[in-house]
PDB file of N, CA and C in Angstrom:
ATOM      1  N   MET A   1      23.486  34.727  25.764  1.00  0.00           N
ATOM      2  CA  MET A   1      22.261  35.894  26.204  1.00  0.00           C
ATOM      3  C   MET A   1      21.692  36.041  25.028  1.00  0.00           C
ATOM      4  N   ARG A   2      20.379  35.191  25.174  1.00  0.00           N
ATOM      5  CA  ARG A   2      19.466  35.198  23.836  1.00  0.00           C
ATOM      6  C   ARG A   2      18.272  36.152  23.586  1.00  0.00           C
ATOM      7  N   PHE A   3      18.838  36.891  22.285  1.00  0.00           N
ATOM      8  CA  PHE A   3      17.742  38.514  23.155  1.00  0.00           C
ATOM      9  C   PHE A   3      15.991  37.502  22.172  1.00  0.00           C
ATOM     10  N   GLN A   4      14.964  38.592  23.513  1.00  0.00           N
ATOM     11  CA  GLN A   4      13.902  38.187  22.447  1.00  0.00           C
ATOM     12  C   GLN A   4      13.458  38.947  21.247  1.00  0.00           C
ATOM     13  N   LEU A   5      12.535  37.874  20.138  1.00  0.00           N
ATOM     14  CA  LEU A   5      12.506  38.426  19.443  1.00  0.00           C
ATOM     15  C   LEU A   5      10.975  38.503  19.378  1.00  0.00           C
ATOM     16  N   GLY A   6       9.700  38.879  18.935  1.00  0.00           N
ATOM     17  CA  GLY A   6       8.654  39.105  18.053  1.00  0.00           C
ATOM     18  C   GLY A   6       8.604  37.464  17.275  1.00  0.00           C
ATOM     19  N   PRO A   7       7.628  37.473  16.714  1.00  0.00           N
ATOM     20  CA  PRO A   7       6.998  36.079  16.346  1.00  0.00           C
ATOM     21  C   PRO A   7       7.596  37.116  14.368  1.00  0.00           C
ATOM     22  N   ARG A   8       7.419  38.259  13.984  1.00  0.00           N
ATOM     23  CA  ARG A   8       7.057  39.249  13.353  1.00  0.00           C
ATOM     24  C   ARG A   8       8.284  38.918  12.704  1.00  0.00           C
ATOM     25  N   LEU A   9       9.446  39.808  13.933  1.00  0.00           N
ATOM     26  CA  LEU A   9      11.180  40.593  13.770  1.00  0.00           C
ATOM     27  C   LEU A   9      11.902  38.789  13.298  1.00  0.00           C
ATOM     28  N   ARG A  10      11.060  37.424  13.989  1.00  0.00           N
ATOM     29  CA  ARG A  10      11.734  36.601  13.671  1.00  0.00           C
ATOM     30  C   ARG A  10      11.480  36.134  12.099  1.00  0.00           C
ATOM     31  N   LEU A  11      10.590  36.064  11.309  1.00  0.00           N
ATOM     32  CA  LEU A  11       9.369  36.188  10.816  1.00  0.00           C
ATOM     33  C   LEU A  11      11.078  37.210   9.326  1.00  0.00           C
ATOM     34  N   LEU A  12      10.480  37.835   9.823  1.00  0.00           N
ATOM     35  CA  LEU A  12      11.925  39.267   9.083  1.00  0.00           C
ATOM     36  C   LEU A  12      12.673  38.320   8.635  1.00  0.00           C
ATOM     37  N   THR A  13      13.664  37.672   9.968  1.00  0.00           N
ATOM     38  CA  THR A  13      15.280  38.253   9.544  1.00  0.00           C
ATOM     39  C   THR A  13      15.533  36.619   9.052  1.00  0.00           C
ATOM     40  N   TRP A  14      14.259  35.438   8.673  1.00  0.00           N
ATOM     41  CA  TRP A  14      15.115  34.420   8.405  1.00  0.00           C
ATOM     42  C   TRP A  14      14.466  34.600   6.634  1.00  0.00           C
ATOM     43  N   TRP A  15      13.094  35.957   7.114  1.00  0.00           N
ATOM     44  CA  TRP A  15      13.516  36.017   4.821  1.00  0.00           C
ATOM     45  C   TRP A  15      13.777  36.983   4.335  1.00  0.00           C
ATOM     46  N   LEU A  16      14.717  38.146   5.026  1.00  0.00           N
ATOM     47  CA  LEU A  16      15.693  39.076   5.097  1.00  0.00           C
ATOM     48  C   LEU A  16      16.045  37.802   4.712  1.00  0.00           C
ATOM     49  N   GLY A  17      17.382  37.167   4.956  1.00  0.00           N
ATOM     50  CA  GLY A  17      18.204  36.353   5.171  1.00  0.00           C
ATOM     51  C   GLY A  17      18.044  35.371   3.329  1.00  0.00           C
ATOM     52  N   ILE A  18      17.178  35.088   3.727  1.00  0.00           N
ATOM     53  CA  ILE A  18      16.718  33.492   1.997  1.00  0.00           C
ATOM     54  C   ILE A  18      16.969  34.638   1.397  1.00  0.00           C
ATOM     55  N   ALA A  19      16.174  36.349   1.532  1.00  0.00           N
ATOM     56  CA  ALA A  19      16.444  37.495   0.421  1.00  0.00           C
ATOM     57  C   ALA A  19      18.269  38.208  -0.650  1.00  0.00           C
ATOM     58  N   ILE A  20      18.532  37.446   0.906  1.00  0.00           N
ATOM     59  CA  ILE A  20      19.802  38.005   0.592  1.00  0.00           C
ATOM     60  C   ILE A  20      20.176  36.444  -0.330  1.00  0.00           C
ATOM     61  N   THR A  21      20.710  35.867  -0.328  1.00  0.00           N
ATOM     62  CA  THR A  21      21.091  34.247   0.075  1.00  0.00           C
ATOM     63  C   THR A  21      20.527  34.533  -1.826  1.00  0.00           C
ATOM     64  N   GLY A  22      19.375  34.906  -1.786  1.00  0.00           N
ATOM     65  CA  GLY A  22      18.400  34.424  -2.952  1.00  0.00           C
ATOM     66  C   GLY A  22      19.748  35.359  -4.250  1.00  0.00           C
ATOM     67  N   ALA A  23      19.746  36.638  -3.837  1.00  0.00           N
ATOM     68  CA  ALA A  23      19.865  37.617  -4.570  1.00  0.00           C
ATOM     69  C   ALA A  23      21.802  37.587  -5.310  1.00  0.00           C
ATOM     70  N   LEU A  24      22.512  36.663  -4.497  1.00  0.00           N
ATOM     71  CA  LEU A  24      23.243  36.189  -4.471  1.00  0.00           C
ATOM     72  C   LEU A  24      23.517  35.184  -5.956  1.00  0.00           C
ATOM     73  N   ILE A  25      22.813  34.769  -5.220  1.00  0.00           N
ATOM     74  CA  ILE A  25      21.738  33.257  -6.518  1.00  0.00           C
ATOM     75  C   ILE A  25      22.153  34.716  -7.676  1.00  0.00           C
ATOM     76  N   ALA A  26      20.694  35.108  -7.728  1.00  0.00           N
ATOM     77  CA  ALA A  26      20.898  35.890  -8.548  1.00  0.00           C
ATOM     78  C   ALA A  26      21.968  36.509  -9.313  1.00  0.00           C
ATOM     79  N   ALA A  27      22.974  37.223  -8.229  1.00  0.00           N
ATOM     80  CA  ALA A  27      23.194  37.899  -9.501  1.00  0.00           C
ATOM     81  C   ALA A  27      24.340  37.143 -10.079  1.00  0.00           C
ATOM     82  N   ALA A  28      24.721  36.184  -9.490  1.00  0.00           N
ATOM     83  CA  ALA A  28      25.799  34.870 -10.343  1.00  0.00           C
ATOM     84  C   ALA A  28      25.084  34.125 -11.173  1.00  0.00           C
ATOM     85  N   LEU A  29      24.150  34.114 -11.235  1.00  0.00           N
ATOM     86  CA  LEU A  29      22.857  33.947 -12.271  1.00  0.00           C
ATOM     87  C   LEU A  29      23.182  34.861 -13.529  1.00  0.00           C
ATOM     88  N   ILE A  30      23.440  35.905 -13.377  1.00  0.00           N
ATOM     89  CA  ILE A  30      23.005  37.185 -14.111  1.00  0.00           C
ATOM     90  C   ILE A  30      24.392  37.120 -15.016  1.00  0.00           C
ATOM     91  N   ASP A  31      25.046  37.360 -13.898  1.00  0.00           N
ATOM     92  CA  ASP A  31      26.498  37.458 -14.545  1.00  0.00           C
ATOM     93  C   ASP A  31      26.564  36.155 -15.309  1.00  0.00           C
ATOM     94  N   VAL A  32      26.227  35.011 -15.087  1.00  0.00           N
ATOM     95  CA  VAL A  32      26.453  33.968 -15.785  1.00  0.00           C
ATOM     96  C   VAL A  32      25.598  34.239 -17.743  1.00  0.00           C
ATOM     97  N   ALA A  33      24.630  34.037 -17.356  1.00  0.00           N
ATOM     98  CA  ALA A  33      23.571  34.422 -19.340  1.00  0.00           C
ATOM     99  C   ALA A  33      22.628  35.924 -18.028  1.00  0.00           C
ATOM    100  N   TYR A  34      23.194  36.890 -18.557  1.00  0.00           N
ATOM    101  CA  TYR A  34      22.594  37.756 -18.716  1.00  0.00           C
ATOM    102  C   TYR A  34      21.264  38.112 -19.829  1.00  0.00           C
ATOM    103  N   SER A  35      20.188  38.043 -19.949  1.00  0.00           N
ATOM    104  CA  SER A  35      19.139  39.306 -20.843  1.00  0.00           C
ATOM    105  C   SER A  35      18.179  39.295 -19.352  1.00  0.00           C
ATOM    106  N   ARG A  36      17.152  39.935 -20.314  1.00  0.00           N
ATOM    107  CA  ARG A  36      15.864  39.975 -19.936  1.00  0.00           C
ATOM    108  C   ARG A  36      14.972  39.196 -19.347  1.00  0.00           C
ATOM    109  N   PHE A  37      15.215  37.878 -20.517  1.00  0.00           N
ATOM    110  CA  PHE A  37      14.563  37.052 -20.137  1.00  0.00           C
ATOM    111  C   PHE A  37      14.720  36.439 -18.383  1.00  0.00           C
ATOM    112  N   VAL A  38      16.206  36.632 -18.251  1.00  0.00           N
ATOM    113  CA  VAL A  38      16.593  35.615 -17.275  1.00  0.00           C
ATOM    114  C   VAL A  38      15.523  36.747 -15.398  1.00  0.00           C
ATOM    115  N   TYR A  39      16.425  37.936 -16.170  1.00  0.00           N
ATOM    116  CA  TYR A  39      15.886  39.008 -14.952  1.00  0.00           C
ATOM    117  C   TYR A  39      14.148  38.596 -15.128  1.00  0.00           C
ATOM    118  N   TYR A  40      12.912  38.958 -16.229  1.00  0.00           N
ATOM    119  CA  TYR A  40      12.434  38.512 -15.797  1.00  0.00           C
ATOM    120  C   TYR A  40      11.851  37.142 -15.765  1.00  0.00           C
ATOM    121  N   PHE A  41      12.516  36.209 -15.551  1.00  0.00           N
ATOM    122  CA  PHE A  41      11.164  35.111 -15.412  1.00  0.00           C
ATOM    123  C   PHE A  41      12.097  34.322 -14.527  1.00  0.00           C
ATOM    124  N   VAL A  42      13.094  34.573 -13.843  1.00  0.00           N
ATOM    125  CA  VAL A  42      14.293  34.063 -12.739  1.00  0.00           C
ATOM    126  C   VAL A  42      14.249  35.143 -10.838  1.00  0.00           C
ATOM    127  N   VAL A  43      14.315  36.079 -11.646  1.00  0.00           N
ATOM    128  CA  VAL A  43      14.752  37.240 -10.836  1.00  0.00           C
ATOM    129  C   VAL A  43      13.604  37.321 -10.122  1.00  0.00           C
ATOM    130  N   MET A  44      13.127  37.911 -10.727  1.00  0.00           N
ATOM    131  CA  MET A  44      11.474  39.530 -10.393  1.00  0.00           C
ATOM    132  C   MET A  44      10.415  37.906  -9.563  1.00  0.00           C
ATOM    133  N   PRO A  45      10.573  36.527 -10.397  1.00  0.00           N
ATOM    134  CA  PRO A  45       9.878  35.909  -9.121  1.00  0.00           C
ATOM    135  C   PRO A  45       9.932  35.571  -7.943  1.00  0.00           C
ATOM    136  N   ILE A  46      11.851  35.195  -8.127  1.00  0.00           N
ATOM    137  CA  ILE A  46      12.569  35.709  -6.669  1.00  0.00           C
ATOM    138  C   ILE A  46      11.212  36.875  -5.766  1.00  0.00           C
ATOM    139  N   GLY A  47      11.828  36.639  -6.318  1.00  0.00           N
ATOM    140  CA  GLY A  47      11.377  38.892  -5.424  1.00  0.00           C
ATOM    141  C   GLY A  47       9.471  38.812  -4.953  1.00  0.00           C
ATOM    142  N   GLY A  48       8.763  38.476  -5.881  1.00  0.00           N
ATOM    143  CA  GLY A  48       8.124  38.489  -5.860  1.00  0.00           C
ATOM    144  C   GLY A  48       7.587  37.271  -4.501  1.00  0.00           C
ATOM    145  N   VAL A  49       8.198  35.962  -4.493  1.00  0.00           N
ATOM    146  CA  VAL A  49       7.748  34.805  -3.938  1.00  0.00           C
ATOM    147  C   VAL A  49       8.212  35.469  -2.368  1.00  0.00           C
ATOM    148  N   LEU A  50       9.327  35.670  -2.679  1.00  0.00           N
ATOM    149  CA  LEU A  50      10.435  36.317  -1.698  1.00  0.00           C
ATOM    150  C   LEU A  50       9.522  37.239  -0.494  1.00  0.00           C
ATOM    151  N   LEU A  51       8.891  38.571  -1.328  1.00  0.00           N
ATOM    152  CA  LEU A  51       8.466  39.647  -0.244  1.00  0.00           C
ATOM    153  C   LEU A  51       6.899  39.408  -0.123  1.00  0.00           C
ATOM    154  N   PHE A  52       6.599  38.050  -0.566  1.00  0.00           N
ATOM    155  CA  PHE A  52       5.069  38.252  -0.343  1.00  0.00           C
ATOM    156  C   PHE A  52       4.079  37.952   1.102  1.00  0.00           C
ATOM    157  N   PRO A  53       4.912  37.300   1.135  1.00  0.00           N
ATOM    158  CA  PRO A  53       5.153  36.403   2.806  1.00  0.00           C
ATOM    159  C   PRO A  53       5.529  37.626   3.829  1.00  0.00           C
ATOM    160  N   LEU A  54       6.086  38.355   3.662  1.00  0.00           N
ATOM    161  CA  LEU A  54       6.519  39.972   4.496  1.00  0.00           C
ATOM    162  C   LEU A  54       5.354  40.868   4.482  1.00  0.00           C
ATOM    163  N   ALA A  55       4.378  41.226   2.916  1.00  0.00           N
ATOM    164  CA  ALA A  55       3.564  42.069   3.226  1.00  0.00           C
ATOM    165  C   ALA A  55       2.988  41.654   3.542  1.00  0.00           C
ATOM    166  N   TYR A  56       2.562  39.570   4.075  1.00  0.00           N
ATOM    167  CA  TYR A  56       0.149  38.883   4.151  1.00  0.00           C
ATOM    168  C   TYR A  56       2.233  39.274   5.825  1.00  0.00           C
ATOM    169  N   ALA A  57       2.299  39.270   6.908  1.00  0.00           N
ATOM    170  CA  ALA A  57       2.514  39.332   7.890  1.00  0.00           C
ATOM    171  C   ALA A  57       2.054  41.025   8.576  1.00  0.00           C
ATOM    172  N   ALA A  58       2.781  41.913   7.032  1.00  0.00           N
ATOM    173  CA  ALA A  58       3.127  43.128   8.094  1.00  0.00           C
ATOM    174  C   ALA A  58       1.107  43.604   8.353  1.00  0.00           C
ATOM    175  N   ASN A  59       0.776  43.478   7.410  1.00  0.00           N
ATOM    176  CA  ASN A  59      -1.166  43.536   7.468  1.00  0.00           C
ATOM    177  C   ASN A  59      -1.825  42.627   8.505  1.00  0.00           C
ATOM    178  N   ARG A  60      -1.041  41.545   8.735  1.00  0.00           N
ATOM    179  CA  ARG A  60      -2.379  41.138   9.618  1.00  0.00           C
ATOM    180  C   ARG A  60      -2.224  41.794  11.224  1.00  0.00           C
TER     181      ARG A  60
END
């Protein structure tokens, strides 16, 4: 049995999966070499890139 998801919910599901994967990679990266440089120039841009499509889809 397949669930029928709307396009926004499907987009949210994909980006949530990508965000979780990115968070795991970022956590491993921070664990290896934690510094403010890594946080501001690696983790924050990844979060911004992942959140932009969600904000765009929510405001359409």
